[in-house]
Amino acid sequence: MGKIRITQVKSRIGAEKSQKATLDALGLKKMHSTVEHDASQQILGMVVKVQHLVRVEEVK
């Protein structure tokens, strides 16, 4: 599996509690913060849940 870079591009204000918890679990605490994770099924599922708040790029 490859790696993906996840960047928070929209504010968590107004998001559901579970979506805020998902951002915390991904390691995204502030706007424009970026983390890298392995592209596992669990991480990809979390990204789908907050896809309107984040930008995802494949790391080469």
C-alpha atoms as a PDB file:
ATOM      1  CA  MET A   1       0.000   0.000   0.000  1.00  0.00           C
ATOM      2  CA  GLY A   2       1.115   3.535  -0.689  1.00  0.00           C
ATOM      3  CA  LYS A   3       1.075   6.599   1.458  1.00  0.00           C
ATOM      4  CA  ILE A   4      -1.371   9.480   1.304  1.00  0.00           C
ATOM      5  CA  ARG A   5      -1.036  13.088   2.444  1.00  0.00           C
ATOM      6  CA  ILE A   6      -4.159  14.528   4.080  1.00  0.00           C
ATOM      7  CA  THR A   7      -4.605  18.299   4.522  1.00  0.00           C
ATOM      8  CA  GLN A   8      -7.500  19.971   6.325  1.00  0.00           C
ATOM      9  CA  VAL A   9      -8.834  22.698   4.018  1.00  0.00           C
ATOM     10  CA  LYS A  10     -12.161  23.604   5.663  1.00  0.00           C
ATOM     11  CA  SER A  11     -12.992  24.488   9.240  1.00  0.00           C
ATOM     12  CA  ARG A  12     -14.365  21.920  11.657  1.00  0.00           C
ATOM     13  CA  ILE A  13     -16.783  24.518  13.049  1.00  0.00           C
ATOM     14  CA  GLY A  14     -20.302  23.294  12.374  1.00  0.00           C
ATOM     15  CA  ALA A  15     -19.210  19.721  11.661  1.00  0.00           C
ATOM     16  CA  GLU A  16     -20.847  16.815  13.468  1.00  0.00           C
ATOM     17  CA  LYS A  17     -19.239  15.526  16.646  1.00  0.00           C
ATOM     18  CA  SER A  18     -18.233  12.256  14.965  1.00  0.00           C
ATOM     19  CA  GLN A  19     -16.558  14.161  12.112  1.00  0.00           C
ATOM     20  CA  LYS A  20     -14.567  16.243  14.605  1.00  0.00           C
ATOM     21  CA  ALA A  21     -13.493  13.031  16.327  1.00  0.00           C
ATOM     22  CA  THR A  22     -12.429  11.583  12.977  1.00  0.00           C
ATOM     23  CA  LEU A  23     -10.267  14.644  12.239  1.00  0.00           C
ATOM     24  CA  ASP A  24      -8.678  14.270  15.680  1.00  0.00           C
ATOM     25  CA  ALA A  25      -8.018  10.573  15.051  1.00  0.00           C
ATOM     26  CA  LEU A  26      -6.341  11.434  11.741  1.00  0.00           C
ATOM     27  CA  GLY A  27      -4.127  13.924  13.578  1.00  0.00           C
ATOM     28  CA  LEU A  28      -5.633  17.068  12.048  1.00  0.00           C
ATOM     29  CA  LYS A  29      -6.029  19.674  14.792  1.00  0.00           C
ATOM     30  CA  LYS A  30      -5.957  22.993  12.892  1.00  0.00           C
ATOM     31  CA  MET A  31      -6.724  24.419   9.475  1.00  0.00           C
ATOM     32  CA  HIS A  32      -4.078  23.704   6.822  1.00  0.00           C
ATOM     33  CA  SER A  33      -2.390  21.063   8.967  1.00  0.00           C
ATOM     34  CA  THR A  34      -1.025  18.097   7.021  1.00  0.00           C
ATOM     35  CA  VAL A  35      -0.378  14.476   7.991  1.00  0.00           C
ATOM     36  CA  GLU A  36       0.824  11.409   6.119  1.00  0.00           C
ATOM     37  CA  HIS A  37      -0.668   7.954   6.625  1.00  0.00           C
ATOM     38  CA  ASP A  38      -0.484   4.565   4.958  1.00  0.00           C
ATOM     39  CA  ALA A  39      -3.414   4.083   2.600  1.00  0.00           C
ATOM     40  CA  SER A  40      -5.067   1.326   4.648  1.00  0.00           C
ATOM     41  CA  GLN A  41      -8.777   0.540   4.488  1.00  0.00           C
ATOM     42  CA  GLN A  42      -9.326   2.099   7.927  1.00  0.00           C
ATOM     43  CA  ILE A  43      -7.662   5.397   6.998  1.00  0.00           C
ATOM     44  CA  LEU A  44      -9.452   5.575   3.636  1.00  0.00           C
ATOM     45  CA  GLY A  45     -12.783   5.021   5.402  1.00  0.00           C
ATOM     46  CA  MET A  46     -12.021   7.868   7.779  1.00  0.00           C
ATOM     47  CA  VAL A  47     -11.125  10.118   4.844  1.00  0.00           C
ATOM     48  CA  VAL A  48     -14.445   9.344   3.142  1.00  0.00           C
ATOM     49  CA  LYS A  49     -16.291  10.403   6.294  1.00  0.00           C
ATOM     50  CA  VAL A  50     -14.661  13.861   6.255  1.00  0.00           C
ATOM     51  CA  GLN A  51     -13.988  14.212   2.533  1.00  0.00           C
ATOM     52  CA  HIS A  52     -15.693  17.621   2.396  1.00  0.00           C
ATOM     53  CA  LEU A  53     -13.198  18.994   4.952  1.00  0.00           C
ATOM     54  CA  VAL A  54      -9.909  17.583   3.626  1.00  0.00           C
ATOM     55  CA  ARG A  55      -7.744  17.325   0.513  1.00  0.00           C
ATOM     56  CA  VAL A  56      -6.009  14.008  -0.198  1.00  0.00           C
ATOM     57  CA  GLU A  57      -2.861  13.528  -2.306  1.00  0.00           C
ATOM     58  CA  GLU A  58      -0.862  10.427  -3.082  1.00  0.00           C
ATOM     59  CA  VAL A  59       2.746  10.575  -1.853  1.00  0.00           C
ATOM     60  CA  LYS A  60       5.301   9.334  -4.349  1.00  0.00           C
END
